[in-house]
Amino acid sequence: VQLVESGGGAVQPGGSLRLSCAASGTIASANVMAWYRQAPGKQRESVATITRDGIINYADSVKGRFAISRGDAKNTVTLQMNSLKPEDTAVYYCQMIIPSMAGPVYWGQGTQVTVSS
């Protein structure tokens, strides 16, 4: 199973970006799809998760600004990021747990998001 992310880049504070992630190599449906991020010198942290049942959770730091959603195609997920702040700068990783909570857990290669004036 391979996860491929797209949509990262550089944006000014207050701007928006949309990240996308698609899984290939499996016919099973993901149980959980999530976005994580890792800033330089910091641990990787959960940003947003969405379960197969549609339960969504966000990190407090992004609530009201970011929105996670499932794509129309199976095993695709997007992260709409609005009102971006310099502290959102990080490498963003897509994660999927397929086909059940027991795993396996798959990760994308990461995409850089830089928020700077």
N, C-alpha and C. Protein backbone atom coordinates (compact mmCIF):
# COMPACT_ATOMS: atom_id res chain seq x y z
N VAL A 1 0.84 -1.19 0.00
CA VAL A 1 0.00 0.00 0.00
C VAL A 1 0.88 1.24 0.00
N GLN A 2 0.57 2.18 -0.85
CA GLN A 2 1.34 3.41 -0.95
C GLN A 2 0.41 4.61 -0.81
N LEU A 3 0.82 5.57 0.02
CA LEU A 3 0.07 6.81 0.18
C LEU A 3 0.85 7.93 -0.48
N VAL A 4 0.16 8.72 -1.29
CA VAL A 4 0.81 9.83 -1.99
C VAL A 4 0.07 11.12 -1.64
N GLU A 5 0.84 12.07 -1.09
CA GLU A 5 0.28 13.36 -0.72
C GLU A 5 0.58 14.39 -1.80
N SER A 6 -0.24 15.42 -1.83
CA SER A 6 -0.01 16.54 -2.73
C SER A 6 -0.64 17.79 -2.13
N GLY A 7 -0.19 18.94 -2.62
CA GLY A 7 -0.83 20.19 -2.23
C GLY A 7 -0.05 21.07 -1.28
N GLY A 8 1.10 20.64 -0.83
CA GLY A 8 1.89 21.49 0.05
C GLY A 8 2.47 22.68 -0.72
N GLY A 9 3.11 23.57 0.03
CA GLY A 9 3.74 24.72 -0.59
C GLY A 9 3.97 25.83 0.40
N ALA A 10 4.23 27.00 -0.14
CA ALA A 10 4.50 28.18 0.68
C ALA A 10 3.35 29.17 0.55
N VAL A 11 2.96 29.76 1.67
CA VAL A 11 1.85 30.70 1.67
C VAL A 11 2.09 31.75 2.74
N GLN A 12 1.50 32.91 2.57
CA GLN A 12 1.63 33.97 3.57
C GLN A 12 0.66 33.72 4.72
N PRO A 13 0.95 34.28 5.89
CA PRO A 13 0.01 34.15 7.01
C PRO A 13 -1.38 34.61 6.61
N GLY A 14 -2.38 33.86 7.04
CA GLY A 14 -3.76 34.15 6.67
C GLY A 14 -4.21 33.45 5.41
N GLY A 15 -3.28 32.85 4.70
CA GLY A 15 -3.62 32.17 3.46
C GLY A 15 -4.18 30.78 3.67
N SER A 16 -4.43 30.10 2.56
CA SER A 16 -5.03 28.77 2.60
C SER A 16 -4.26 27.80 1.71
N LEU A 17 -4.30 26.55 2.10
CA LEU A 17 -3.76 25.46 1.30
C LEU A 17 -4.68 24.25 1.45
N ARG A 18 -4.66 23.40 0.46
CA ARG A 18 -5.46 22.17 0.51
C ARG A 18 -4.54 20.99 0.23
N LEU A 19 -4.45 20.09 1.17
CA LEU A 19 -3.65 18.89 1.02
C LEU A 19 -4.54 17.72 0.63
N SER A 20 -4.01 16.86 -0.20
CA SER A 20 -4.74 15.66 -0.60
C SER A 20 -3.86 14.43 -0.43
N CYS A 21 -4.50 13.30 -0.20
CA CYS A 21 -3.77 12.05 -0.02
C CYS A 21 -4.59 10.93 -0.62
N ALA A 22 -3.94 10.08 -1.38
CA ALA A 22 -4.62 8.94 -1.99
C ALA A 22 -3.80 7.69 -1.76
N ALA A 23 -4.49 6.61 -1.44
CA ALA A 23 -3.83 5.33 -1.23
C ALA A 23 -4.01 4.45 -2.46
N SER A 24 -2.99 3.70 -2.78
CA SER A 24 -3.06 2.73 -3.87
C SER A 24 -2.50 1.41 -3.39
N GLY A 25 -2.86 0.35 -4.11
CA GLY A 25 -2.31 -0.95 -3.79
C GLY A 25 -3.16 -1.79 -2.87
N THR A 26 -4.40 -1.36 -2.62
CA THR A 26 -5.30 -2.15 -1.78
C THR A 26 -6.73 -1.95 -2.22
N ILE A 27 -7.55 -2.97 -2.03
CA ILE A 27 -8.96 -2.83 -2.32
C ILE A 27 -9.77 -2.66 -1.04
N ALA A 28 -9.09 -2.80 0.11
CA ALA A 28 -9.77 -2.62 1.39
C ALA A 28 -9.97 -1.13 1.68
N SER A 29 -10.98 -0.84 2.45
CA SER A 29 -11.25 0.55 2.82
C SER A 29 -10.53 0.90 4.12
N ALA A 30 -10.07 2.13 4.20
CA ALA A 30 -9.39 2.59 5.40
C ALA A 30 -10.37 2.70 6.56
N ASN A 31 -9.92 2.29 7.73
CA ASN A 31 -10.73 2.45 8.94
C ASN A 31 -10.57 3.85 9.50
N VAL A 32 -9.34 4.35 9.46
CA VAL A 32 -9.05 5.70 9.94
C VAL A 32 -8.13 6.38 8.93
N MET A 33 -8.41 7.63 8.64
CA MET A 33 -7.54 8.46 7.81
C MET A 33 -7.19 9.69 8.62
N ALA A 34 -5.94 10.09 8.57
CA ALA A 34 -5.51 11.19 9.44
C ALA A 34 -4.39 11.99 8.80
N TRP A 35 -4.22 13.18 9.33
CA TRP A 35 -3.09 14.03 8.98
C TRP A 35 -2.30 14.31 10.25
N TYR A 36 -0.99 14.18 10.13
CA TYR A 36 -0.05 14.52 11.18
C TYR A 36 0.89 15.58 10.64
N ARG A 37 1.62 16.22 11.54
CA ARG A 37 2.64 17.16 11.11
C ARG A 37 3.82 17.11 12.06
N GLN A 38 4.97 17.49 11.51
CA GLN A 38 6.18 17.53 12.31
C GLN A 38 6.98 18.77 11.95
N ALA A 39 7.12 19.64 12.91
CA ALA A 39 7.92 20.86 12.73
C ALA A 39 9.36 20.56 13.13
N PRO A 40 10.30 21.34 12.63
CA PRO A 40 11.71 21.12 12.98
C PRO A 40 11.94 21.12 14.49
N GLY A 41 12.60 20.08 14.97
CA GLY A 41 12.92 19.99 16.39
C GLY A 41 11.77 19.58 17.28
N LYS A 42 10.63 19.22 16.67
CA LYS A 42 9.47 18.83 17.46
C LYS A 42 9.02 17.43 17.09
N GLN A 43 8.23 16.84 17.99
CA GLN A 43 7.69 15.52 17.71
C GLN A 43 6.53 15.61 16.72
N ARG A 44 6.30 14.51 16.03
CA ARG A 44 5.16 14.44 15.12
C ARG A 44 3.87 14.48 15.95
N GLU A 45 2.91 15.29 15.49
CA GLU A 45 1.67 15.43 16.22
C GLU A 45 0.48 15.23 15.30
N SER A 46 -0.62 14.75 15.90
CA SER A 46 -1.85 14.57 15.16
C SER A 46 -2.50 15.92 14.91
N VAL A 47 -2.96 16.12 13.68
CA VAL A 47 -3.64 17.36 13.31
C VAL A 47 -5.15 17.12 13.20
N ALA A 48 -5.54 16.07 12.48
CA ALA A 48 -6.95 15.79 12.27
C ALA A 48 -7.12 14.32 11.90
N THR A 49 -8.22 13.74 12.35
CA THR A 49 -8.52 12.35 12.01
C THR A 49 -9.98 12.23 11.61
N ILE A 50 -10.26 11.26 10.74
CA ILE A 50 -11.63 10.95 10.37
C ILE A 50 -11.75 9.44 10.27
N THR A 51 -12.78 8.89 10.90
CA THR A 51 -12.96 7.45 10.89
C THR A 51 -13.91 7.04 9.76
N ARG A 52 -14.00 5.75 9.57
CA ARG A 52 -14.90 5.21 8.55
C ARG A 52 -16.34 5.62 8.85
N ASP A 53 -16.66 5.76 10.13
CA ASP A 53 -18.01 6.15 10.54
C ASP A 53 -18.23 7.66 10.50
N GLY A 54 -17.20 8.39 10.11
CA GLY A 54 -17.35 9.83 9.98
C GLY A 54 -17.06 10.63 11.22
N ILE A 55 -16.48 9.99 12.23
CA ILE A 55 -16.12 10.71 13.45
C ILE A 55 -14.84 11.50 13.20
N ILE A 56 -14.88 12.77 13.51
CA ILE A 56 -13.76 13.68 13.22
C ILE A 56 -13.22 14.26 14.51
N ASN A 57 -11.91 14.35 14.59
CA ASN A 57 -11.24 15.00 15.70
C ASN A 57 -10.14 15.92 15.17
N TYR A 58 -9.97 17.04 15.86
CA TYR A 58 -8.94 18.01 15.50
C TYR A 58 -8.07 18.33 16.70
N ALA A 59 -6.83 18.66 16.42
CA ALA A 59 -5.98 19.22 17.46
C ALA A 59 -6.54 20.59 17.84
N ASP A 60 -6.42 20.94 19.09
CA ASP A 60 -6.96 22.23 19.54
C ASP A 60 -6.37 23.39 18.74
N SER A 61 -5.13 23.26 18.35
CA SER A 61 -4.44 24.35 17.67
C SER A 61 -4.99 24.64 16.28
N VAL A 62 -5.76 23.72 15.70
CA VAL A 62 -6.26 23.94 14.34
C VAL A 62 -7.78 23.99 14.27
N LYS A 63 -8.45 23.79 15.38
CA LYS A 63 -9.92 23.82 15.39
C LYS A 63 -10.44 25.15 14.86
N GLY A 64 -11.41 25.07 13.97
CA GLY A 64 -11.99 26.26 13.39
C GLY A 64 -11.25 26.79 12.18
N ARG A 65 -10.06 26.24 11.91
CA ARG A 65 -9.27 26.70 10.77
C ARG A 65 -9.06 25.60 9.74
N PHE A 66 -8.92 24.37 10.19
CA PHE A 66 -8.67 23.24 9.30
C PHE A 66 -9.92 22.37 9.20
N ALA A 67 -10.07 21.70 8.07
CA ALA A 67 -11.19 20.78 7.88
C ALA A 67 -10.71 19.54 7.14
N ILE A 68 -10.97 18.37 7.73
CA ILE A 68 -10.60 17.10 7.11
C ILE A 68 -11.86 16.51 6.48
N SER A 69 -11.70 15.88 5.34
CA SER A 69 -12.84 15.25 4.68
C SER A 69 -12.37 14.09 3.83
N ARG A 70 -13.28 13.15 3.62
CA ARG A 70 -12.99 12.03 2.73
C ARG A 70 -13.27 12.45 1.30
N GLY A 71 -12.44 12.00 0.38
CA GLY A 71 -12.66 12.28 -1.01
C GLY A 71 -13.73 11.37 -1.59
N ASP A 72 -14.15 11.66 -2.81
CA ASP A 72 -15.16 10.83 -3.47
C ASP A 72 -14.62 9.43 -3.77
N ALA A 73 -13.37 9.33 -4.10
CA ALA A 73 -12.77 8.03 -4.37
C ALA A 73 -12.40 7.35 -3.06
N LYS A 74 -12.43 6.04 -3.08
CA LYS A 74 -12.09 5.29 -1.87
C LYS A 74 -10.66 5.57 -1.45
N ASN A 75 -10.46 5.66 -0.15
CA ASN A 75 -9.12 5.85 0.42
C ASN A 75 -8.45 7.12 -0.08
N THR A 76 -9.23 8.18 -0.13
CA THR A 76 -8.68 9.50 -0.38
C THR A 76 -9.16 10.43 0.73
N VAL A 77 -8.29 11.34 1.10
CA VAL A 77 -8.61 12.27 2.19
C VAL A 77 -7.98 13.62 1.88
N THR A 78 -8.66 14.67 2.26
CA THR A 78 -8.14 16.02 2.05
C THR A 78 -8.10 16.77 3.37
N LEU A 79 -7.25 17.77 3.42
CA LEU A 79 -7.16 18.66 4.57
C LEU A 79 -7.17 20.09 4.04
N GLN A 80 -8.26 20.78 4.28
CA GLN A 80 -8.37 22.18 3.91
C GLN A 80 -7.85 23.02 5.06
N MET A 81 -6.84 23.82 4.79
CA MET A 81 -6.21 24.62 5.83
C MET A 81 -6.42 26.09 5.53
N ASN A 82 -7.14 26.78 6.40
CA ASN A 82 -7.42 28.20 6.24
C ASN A 82 -6.78 28.99 7.37
N SER A 83 -6.70 30.28 7.18
CA SER A 83 -6.14 31.17 8.21
C SER A 83 -4.81 30.64 8.74
N LEU A 84 -3.94 30.27 7.83
CA LEU A 84 -2.68 29.66 8.23
C LEU A 84 -1.80 30.63 9.01
N LYS A 85 -1.07 30.05 9.96
CA LYS A 85 -0.18 30.82 10.82
C LYS A 85 1.25 30.31 10.65
N PRO A 86 2.23 31.13 10.98
CA PRO A 86 3.62 30.65 10.87
C PRO A 86 3.86 29.37 11.69
N GLU A 87 3.18 29.22 12.78
CA GLU A 87 3.36 28.01 13.60
C GLU A 87 2.75 26.76 12.97
N ASP A 88 2.05 26.91 11.86
CA ASP A 88 1.57 25.75 11.12
C ASP A 88 2.64 25.18 10.20
N THR A 89 3.76 25.88 10.09
CA THR A 89 4.86 25.41 9.24
C THR A 89 5.36 24.06 9.73
N ALA A 90 5.38 23.08 8.84
CA ALA A 90 5.78 21.73 9.19
C ALA A 90 5.73 20.85 7.95
N VAL A 91 6.24 19.65 8.09
CA VAL A 91 6.00 18.61 7.09
C VAL A 91 4.72 17.89 7.50
N TYR A 92 3.78 17.81 6.60
CA TYR A 92 2.49 17.18 6.88
C TYR A 92 2.47 15.77 6.28
N TYR A 93 2.04 14.83 7.09
CA TYR A 93 2.01 13.43 6.70
C TYR A 93 0.58 12.89 6.72
N CYS A 94 0.26 12.13 5.72
CA CYS A 94 -1.00 11.41 5.67
C CYS A 94 -0.81 10.04 6.31
N GLN A 95 -1.80 9.62 7.08
CA GLN A 95 -1.77 8.30 7.70
C GLN A 95 -3.10 7.59 7.45
N MET A 96 -3.01 6.31 7.15
CA MET A 96 -4.23 5.51 7.03
C MET A 96 -4.05 4.19 7.76
N ILE A 97 -5.08 3.76 8.42
CA ILE A 97 -5.10 2.46 9.08
C ILE A 97 -6.08 1.60 8.29
N ILE A 98 -5.52 0.58 7.65
CA ILE A 98 -6.29 -0.25 6.73
C ILE A 98 -6.09 -1.70 7.08
N PRO A 99 -7.12 -2.57 7.18
CA PRO A 99 -8.53 -2.24 6.99
C PRO A 99 -9.28 -2.03 8.30
N SER A 100 -8.62 -2.34 9.45
CA SER A 100 -9.30 -2.19 10.73
C SER A 100 -8.39 -1.45 11.69
N MET A 101 -8.88 -1.21 12.92
CA MET A 101 -8.09 -0.50 13.91
C MET A 101 -6.85 -1.29 14.30
N ALA A 102 -6.85 -2.58 13.99
CA ALA A 102 -5.67 -3.40 14.29
C ALA A 102 -4.55 -3.16 13.29
N GLY A 103 -4.85 -2.42 12.25
CA GLY A 103 -3.81 -2.06 11.30
C GLY A 103 -3.76 -2.95 10.10
N PRO A 104 -2.71 -2.85 9.29
CA PRO A 104 -1.50 -2.06 9.50
C PRO A 104 -1.72 -0.55 9.34
N VAL A 105 -0.73 0.20 9.80
CA VAL A 105 -0.71 1.65 9.67
C VAL A 105 0.23 2.02 8.54
N TYR A 106 -0.27 2.86 7.65
CA TYR A 106 0.51 3.31 6.50
C TYR A 106 0.72 4.83 6.56
N TRP A 107 1.90 5.25 6.07
CA TRP A 107 2.24 6.67 6.08
C TRP A 107 2.62 7.13 4.68
N GLY A 108 2.30 8.39 4.39
CA GLY A 108 2.79 9.01 3.19
C GLY A 108 4.21 9.52 3.40
N GLN A 109 4.78 10.07 2.34
CA GLN A 109 6.17 10.53 2.39
C GLN A 109 6.30 11.92 2.99
N GLY A 110 5.19 12.62 3.11
CA GLY A 110 5.20 13.96 3.70
C GLY A 110 5.25 15.04 2.64
N THR A 111 4.62 16.17 2.97
CA THR A 111 4.63 17.32 2.08
C THR A 111 4.86 18.57 2.93
N GLN A 112 5.74 19.44 2.45
CA GLN A 112 6.14 20.62 3.22
C GLN A 112 5.10 21.73 3.10
N VAL A 113 4.73 22.28 4.23
CA VAL A 113 3.88 23.47 4.29
C VAL A 113 4.67 24.56 5.02
N THR A 114 4.85 25.68 4.35
CA THR A 114 5.60 26.80 4.93
C THR A 114 4.72 28.04 4.93
N VAL A 115 4.55 28.60 6.11
CA VAL A 115 3.74 29.82 6.27
C VAL A 115 4.67 30.93 6.72
N SER A 116 4.88 31.89 5.84
CA SER A 116 5.85 32.94 6.12
C SER A 116 5.53 34.17 5.29
N SER A 117 5.82 35.32 5.89
CA SER A 117 5.63 36.57 5.14
C SER A 117 6.93 36.98 4.46
